[in-house]
């Protein structure tokens, strides 16, 4: 997992980089700013698969003294666990600082990007399974002297492993009143191996929608096996569609399978 923080680059320019701030390093006083209205990914959970870079947007407000030149500071949102501090090595931020526009002499409206990498040639950039779950939201500001201001407690989000789900009802076609077997598999991204693996012992709903209908009805709830496999039986009653539905967990995204149509004769 890449650890990022706002730091003063060696050139003297302020940047959001992949460098960690050493715990023992004494930092000058940070800019006198406060953050509010932070929203990451429009308030939605952040879902990452096994290979593709995921970039989410963030918006936030910076309040500053009127005498403070907005061009003398750089800011950005962060995700963190525990307490937001310079010696916390569980902090995720973006590759670059946010972009801010002054709405008054004391208020800046800002936008930023945060990147999540499930796979990279740089081992420090890889997400690991333990990163999935709840993260707190905060923000960082750096001034031209290298002073750093941290503010936590700005909300929370879930960083989730992407789930996949399949459904297959057979035999097809089937006679009315006969037994249908509905199989499938629930899997999720494994960030340690960068592959998808079965998600075991999770409740999954089997739903049916009659041909021509617009709504789904839940027939039953079953649990995935130790390998993520799903299997149950139903009585064929009418032409229609079957699908499995997984509600998701703190660490894993919700997912609906593609619908499988069955012709009942």
Foldseek 3Di string as FASTA:
>chain_A
DQFWDFWQDPVLDTKTASDAQDPPDDFPAFAPKDKAPKDKQNVAAAEDEQADKDKIKIKIKIFHDLPDDPVQKFKWKKWAPDDDDSNGRGIFTAHTTWDWDDPDSTMIITMDMGMQGLDDPDVNRHDALVQFFKTWMWMWMAGSRGHIDIGTDHGMHTYAWEKAKAWDWDDAAEAAFDKIKIKMFIWTHGSVVSDIWGDFFAKKWKWKDAPPGDDIDTDDIDTAHPRRMDIDMDGHHHWTWIKIWGPADRHYHTDIHDIDTYHYD
